[in-house]
Amino acid sequence: MQVPLWLALLVVGYLGVKLIRPPAWLIAVLLVGGFLLADSVLAPAINALVK
């Protein structure tokens, strides 16, 4: 069974918010920070680190 990445991330994110209940500001910081890092000059370094 193949699940699209966006669906898997959506389910994991939903369960994480429901079970762990992090503060809203932390969720916003992670989302905005990830978005900004993905479009920065650090993106190739992060990609190499993840792989």
PDB file of N, CA and C in Angstrom:
ATOM      1  N   MET A   1       0.835  -1.174   0.000  1.00  0.00           N
ATOM      2  CA  MET A   1       0.000   0.000   0.000  1.00  0.00           C
ATOM      3  C   MET A   1       0.886   1.245   0.000  1.00  0.00           C
ATOM      4  N   GLN A   2       0.650   2.127  -0.923  1.00  0.00           N
ATOM      5  CA  GLN A   2       1.423   3.364  -1.009  1.00  0.00           C
ATOM      6  C   GLN A   2       0.551   4.531  -0.564  1.00  0.00           C
ATOM      7  N   VAL A   3       1.079   5.293   0.386  1.00  0.00           N
ATOM      8  CA  VAL A   3       0.370   6.448   0.917  1.00  0.00           C
ATOM      9  C   VAL A   3       1.129   7.698   0.477  1.00  0.00           C
ATOM     10  N   PRO A   4       0.422   8.700  -0.064  1.00  0.00           N
ATOM     11  CA  PRO A   4       1.114   9.936  -0.437  1.00  0.00           C
ATOM     12  C   PRO A   4       1.751  10.604   0.783  1.00  0.00           C
ATOM     13  N   LEU A   5       2.877  11.255   0.566  1.00  0.00           N
ATOM     14  CA  LEU A   5       3.609  11.897   1.662  1.00  0.00           C
ATOM     15  C   LEU A   5       2.760  12.954   2.355  1.00  0.00           C
ATOM     16  N   TRP A   6       2.025  13.734   1.594  1.00  0.00           N
ATOM     17  CA  TRP A   6       1.224  14.797   2.192  1.00  0.00           C
ATOM     18  C   TRP A   6       0.154  14.222   3.114  1.00  0.00           C
ATOM     19  N   LEU A   7      -0.401  13.075   2.754  1.00  0.00           N
ATOM     20  CA  LEU A   7      -1.423  12.460   3.599  1.00  0.00           C
ATOM     21  C   LEU A   7      -0.806  11.893   4.880  1.00  0.00           C
ATOM     22  N   ALA A   8       0.354  11.274   4.758  1.00  0.00           N
ATOM     23  CA  ALA A   8       1.036  10.740   5.931  1.00  0.00           C
ATOM     24  C   ALA A   8       1.413  11.867   6.894  1.00  0.00           C
ATOM     25  N   LEU A   9       1.924  12.981   6.362  1.00  0.00           N
ATOM     26  CA  LEU A   9       2.287  14.116   7.213  1.00  0.00           C
ATOM     27  C   LEU A   9       1.067  14.737   7.868  1.00  0.00           C
ATOM     28  N   LEU A  10      -0.025  14.788   7.143  1.00  0.00           N
ATOM     29  CA  LEU A  10      -1.263  15.332   7.692  1.00  0.00           C
ATOM     30  C   LEU A  10      -1.767  14.477   8.857  1.00  0.00           C
ATOM     31  N   VAL A  11      -1.746  13.168   8.693  1.00  0.00           N
ATOM     32  CA  VAL A  11      -2.211  12.264   9.749  1.00  0.00           C
ATOM     33  C   VAL A  11      -1.290  12.329  10.969  1.00  0.00           C
ATOM     34  N   VAL A  12       0.020  12.305  10.746  1.00  0.00           N
ATOM     35  CA  VAL A  12       0.969  12.377  11.862  1.00  0.00           C
ATOM     36  C   VAL A  12       0.854  13.719  12.578  1.00  0.00           C
ATOM     37  N   GLY A  13       0.710  14.786  11.826  1.00  0.00           N
ATOM     38  CA  GLY A  13       0.548  16.107  12.438  1.00  0.00           C
ATOM     39  C   GLY A  13      -0.728  16.215  13.248  1.00  0.00           C
ATOM     40  N   TYR A  14      -1.820  15.694  12.712  1.00  0.00           N
ATOM     41  CA  TYR A  14      -3.100  15.728  13.415  1.00  0.00           C
ATOM     42  C   TYR A  14      -3.027  14.927  14.720  1.00  0.00           C
ATOM     43  N   LEU A  15      -2.475  13.732  14.637  1.00  0.00           N
ATOM     44  CA  LEU A  15      -2.360  12.902  15.834  1.00  0.00           C
ATOM     45  C   LEU A  15      -1.422  13.530  16.858  1.00  0.00           C
ATOM     46  N   GLY A  16      -0.333  14.130  16.386  1.00  0.00           N
ATOM     47  CA  GLY A  16       0.600  14.784  17.302  1.00  0.00           C
ATOM     48  C   GLY A  16      -0.033  15.938  18.045  1.00  0.00           C
ATOM     49  N   VAL A  17      -0.835  16.735  17.332  1.00  0.00           N
ATOM     50  CA  VAL A  17      -1.499  17.869  17.983  1.00  0.00           C
ATOM     51  C   VAL A  17      -2.562  17.377  18.961  1.00  0.00           C
ATOM     52  N   LYS A  18      -3.291  16.354  18.580  1.00  0.00           N
ATOM     53  CA  LYS A  18      -4.346  15.840  19.458  1.00  0.00           C
ATOM     54  C   LYS A  18      -3.784  15.143  20.695  1.00  0.00           C
ATOM     55  N   LEU A  19      -2.713  14.382  20.543  1.00  0.00           N
ATOM     56  CA  LEU A  19      -2.193  13.596  21.661  1.00  0.00           C
ATOM     57  C   LEU A  19      -1.238  14.369  22.558  1.00  0.00           C
ATOM     58  N   ILE A  20      -0.362  15.187  21.959  1.00  0.00           N
ATOM     59  CA  ILE A  20       0.669  15.874  22.741  1.00  0.00           C
ATOM     60  C   ILE A  20       0.210  17.267  23.185  1.00  0.00           C
ATOM     61  N   ARG A  21      -0.671  17.897  22.411  1.00  0.00           N
ATOM     62  CA  ARG A  21      -1.201  19.231  22.686  1.00  0.00           C
ATOM     63  C   ARG A  21      -0.110  20.291  22.860  1.00  0.00           C
ATOM     64  N   PRO A  22       0.730  20.486  21.818  1.00  0.00           N
ATOM     65  CA  PRO A  22       1.738  21.549  21.924  1.00  0.00           C
ATOM     66  C   PRO A  22       1.067  22.921  21.805  1.00  0.00           C
ATOM     67  N   PRO A  23       1.724  23.961  22.281  1.00  0.00           N
ATOM     68  CA  PRO A  23       1.145  25.309  22.166  1.00  0.00           C
ATOM     69  C   PRO A  23       1.054  25.744  20.698  1.00  0.00           C
ATOM     70  N   ALA A  24       0.083  26.594  20.415  1.00  0.00           N
ATOM     71  CA  ALA A  24      -0.155  27.042  19.040  1.00  0.00           C
ATOM     72  C   ALA A  24       1.056  27.799  18.489  1.00  0.00           C
ATOM     73  N   TRP A  25       1.756  28.562  19.332  1.00  0.00           N
ATOM     74  CA  TRP A  25       2.898  29.328  18.844  1.00  0.00           C
ATOM     75  C   TRP A  25       4.015  28.401  18.378  1.00  0.00           C
ATOM     76  N   LEU A  26       4.169  27.247  19.039  1.00  0.00           N
ATOM     77  CA  LEU A  26       5.203  26.297  18.644  1.00  0.00           C
ATOM     78  C   LEU A  26       4.892  25.689  17.273  1.00  0.00           C
ATOM     79  N   ILE A  27       3.646  25.380  17.037  1.00  0.00           N
ATOM     80  CA  ILE A  27       3.238  24.847  15.735  1.00  0.00           C
ATOM     81  C   ILE A  27       3.497  25.885  14.647  1.00  0.00           C
ATOM     82  N   ALA A  28       3.137  27.143  14.920  1.00  0.00           N
ATOM     83  CA  ALA A  28       3.341  28.210  13.940  1.00  0.00           C
ATOM     84  C   ALA A  28       4.825  28.419  13.651  1.00  0.00           C
ATOM     85  N   VAL A  29       5.655  28.404  14.683  1.00  0.00           N
ATOM     86  CA  VAL A  29       7.095  28.591  14.494  1.00  0.00           C
ATOM     87  C   VAL A  29       7.686  27.464  13.660  1.00  0.00           C
ATOM     88  N   LEU A  30       7.285  26.234  13.924  1.00  0.00           N
ATOM     89  CA  LEU A  30       7.797  25.097  13.156  1.00  0.00           C
ATOM     90  C   LEU A  30       7.359  25.159  11.694  1.00  0.00           C
ATOM     91  N   LEU A  31       6.111  25.516  11.453  1.00  0.00           N
ATOM     92  CA  LEU A  31       5.621  25.599  10.077  1.00  0.00           C
ATOM     93  C   LEU A  31       6.294  26.732   9.307  1.00  0.00           C
ATOM     94  N   VAL A  32       6.338  27.916   9.899  1.00  0.00           N
ATOM     95  CA  VAL A  32       6.957  29.063   9.212  1.00  0.00           C
ATOM     96  C   VAL A  32       8.462  28.858   9.075  1.00  0.00           C
ATOM     97  N   GLY A  33       9.104  28.340  10.114  1.00  0.00           N
ATOM     98  CA  GLY A  33      10.548  28.088  10.038  1.00  0.00           C
ATOM     99  C   GLY A  33      10.895  27.055   8.984  1.00  0.00           C
ATOM    100  N   GLY A  34      10.123  25.990   8.893  1.00  0.00           N
ATOM    101  CA  GLY A  34      10.361  24.982   7.862  1.00  0.00           C
ATOM    102  C   GLY A  34      10.157  25.529   6.471  1.00  0.00           C
ATOM    103  N   PHE A  35       9.125  26.359   6.318  1.00  0.00           N
ATOM    104  CA  PHE A  35       8.862  26.971   5.015  1.00  0.00           C
ATOM    105  C   PHE A  35      10.007  27.891   4.608  1.00  0.00           C
ATOM    106  N   LEU A  36      10.489  28.686   5.537  1.00  0.00           N
ATOM    107  CA  LEU A  36      11.579  29.616   5.223  1.00  0.00           C
ATOM    108  C   LEU A  36      12.894  28.880   4.967  1.00  0.00           C
ATOM    109  N   LEU A  37      13.168  27.831   5.719  1.00  0.00           N
ATOM    110  CA  LEU A  37      14.404  27.065   5.509  1.00  0.00           C
ATOM    111  C   LEU A  37      14.391  26.326   4.176  1.00  0.00           C
ATOM    112  N   ALA A  38      13.235  25.880   3.754  1.00  0.00           N
ATOM    113  CA  ALA A  38      13.144  25.135   2.498  1.00  0.00           C
ATOM    114  C   ALA A  38      13.472  26.013   1.303  1.00  0.00           C
ATOM    115  N   ASP A  39      13.304  27.322   1.440  1.00  0.00           N
ATOM    116  CA  ASP A  39      13.556  28.230   0.327  1.00  0.00           C
ATOM    117  C   ASP A  39      14.828  29.051   0.533  1.00  0.00           C
ATOM    118  N   SER A  40      15.695  28.624   1.444  1.00  0.00           N
ATOM    119  CA  SER A  40      16.896  29.391   1.745  1.00  0.00           C
ATOM    120  C   SER A  40      18.126  28.737   1.117  1.00  0.00           C
ATOM    121  N   VAL A  41      19.274  29.375   1.338  1.00  0.00           N
ATOM    122  CA  VAL A  41      20.534  28.824   0.822  1.00  0.00           C
ATOM    123  C   VAL A  41      20.961  27.605   1.628  1.00  0.00           C
ATOM    124  N   LEU A  42      20.338  27.380   2.776  1.00  0.00           N
ATOM    125  CA  LEU A  42      20.661  26.224   3.603  1.00  0.00           C
ATOM    126  C   LEU A  42      19.950  24.950   3.149  1.00  0.00           C
ATOM    127  N   ALA A  43      19.035  25.077   2.210  1.00  0.00           N
ATOM    128  CA  ALA A  43      18.245  23.918   1.775  1.00  0.00           C
ATOM    129  C   ALA A  43      19.118  22.769   1.259  1.00  0.00           C
ATOM    130  N   PRO A  44      20.149  23.003   0.419  1.00  0.00           N
ATOM    131  CA  PRO A  44      20.984  21.871  -0.021  1.00  0.00           C
ATOM    132  C   PRO A  44      21.721  21.207   1.138  1.00  0.00           C
ATOM    133  N   ALA A  45      22.175  21.973   2.111  1.00  0.00           N
ATOM    134  CA  ALA A  45      22.870  21.393   3.257  1.00  0.00           C
ATOM    135  C   ALA A  45      21.911  20.544   4.100  1.00  0.00           C
ATOM    136  N   ILE A  46      20.708  21.026   4.281  1.00  0.00           N
ATOM    137  CA  ILE A  46      19.708  20.266   5.048  1.00  0.00           C
ATOM    138  C   ILE A  46      19.341  19.004   4.297  1.00  0.00           C
ATOM    139  N   ASN A  47      19.201  19.113   2.984  1.00  0.00           N
ATOM    140  CA  ASN A  47      18.872  17.949   2.159  1.00  0.00           C
ATOM    141  C   ASN A  47      19.967  16.896   2.262  1.00  0.00           C
ATOM    142  N   ALA A  48      21.215  17.309   2.222  1.00  0.00           N
ATOM    143  CA  ALA A  48      22.326  16.365   2.331  1.00  0.00           C
ATOM    144  C   ALA A  48      22.373  15.742   3.727  1.00  0.00           C
ATOM    145  N   LEU A  49      22.035  16.529   4.745  1.00  0.00           N
ATOM    146  CA  LEU A  49      22.032  16.028   6.122  1.00  0.00           C
ATOM    147  C   LEU A  49      20.925  15.007   6.327  1.00  0.00           C
ATOM    148  N   VAL A  50      19.770  15.244   5.724  1.00  0.00           N
ATOM    149  CA  VAL A  50      18.633  14.340   5.885  1.00  0.00           C
ATOM    150  C   VAL A  50      18.877  13.017   5.157  1.00  0.00           C
ATOM    151  N   LYS A  51      19.501  13.106   4.005  1.00  0.00           N
ATOM    152  CA  LYS A  51      19.784  11.891   3.239  1.00  0.00           C
ATOM    153  C   LYS A  51      20.961  11.213   3.852  1.00  0.00           C
TER     154      LYS A  51
END
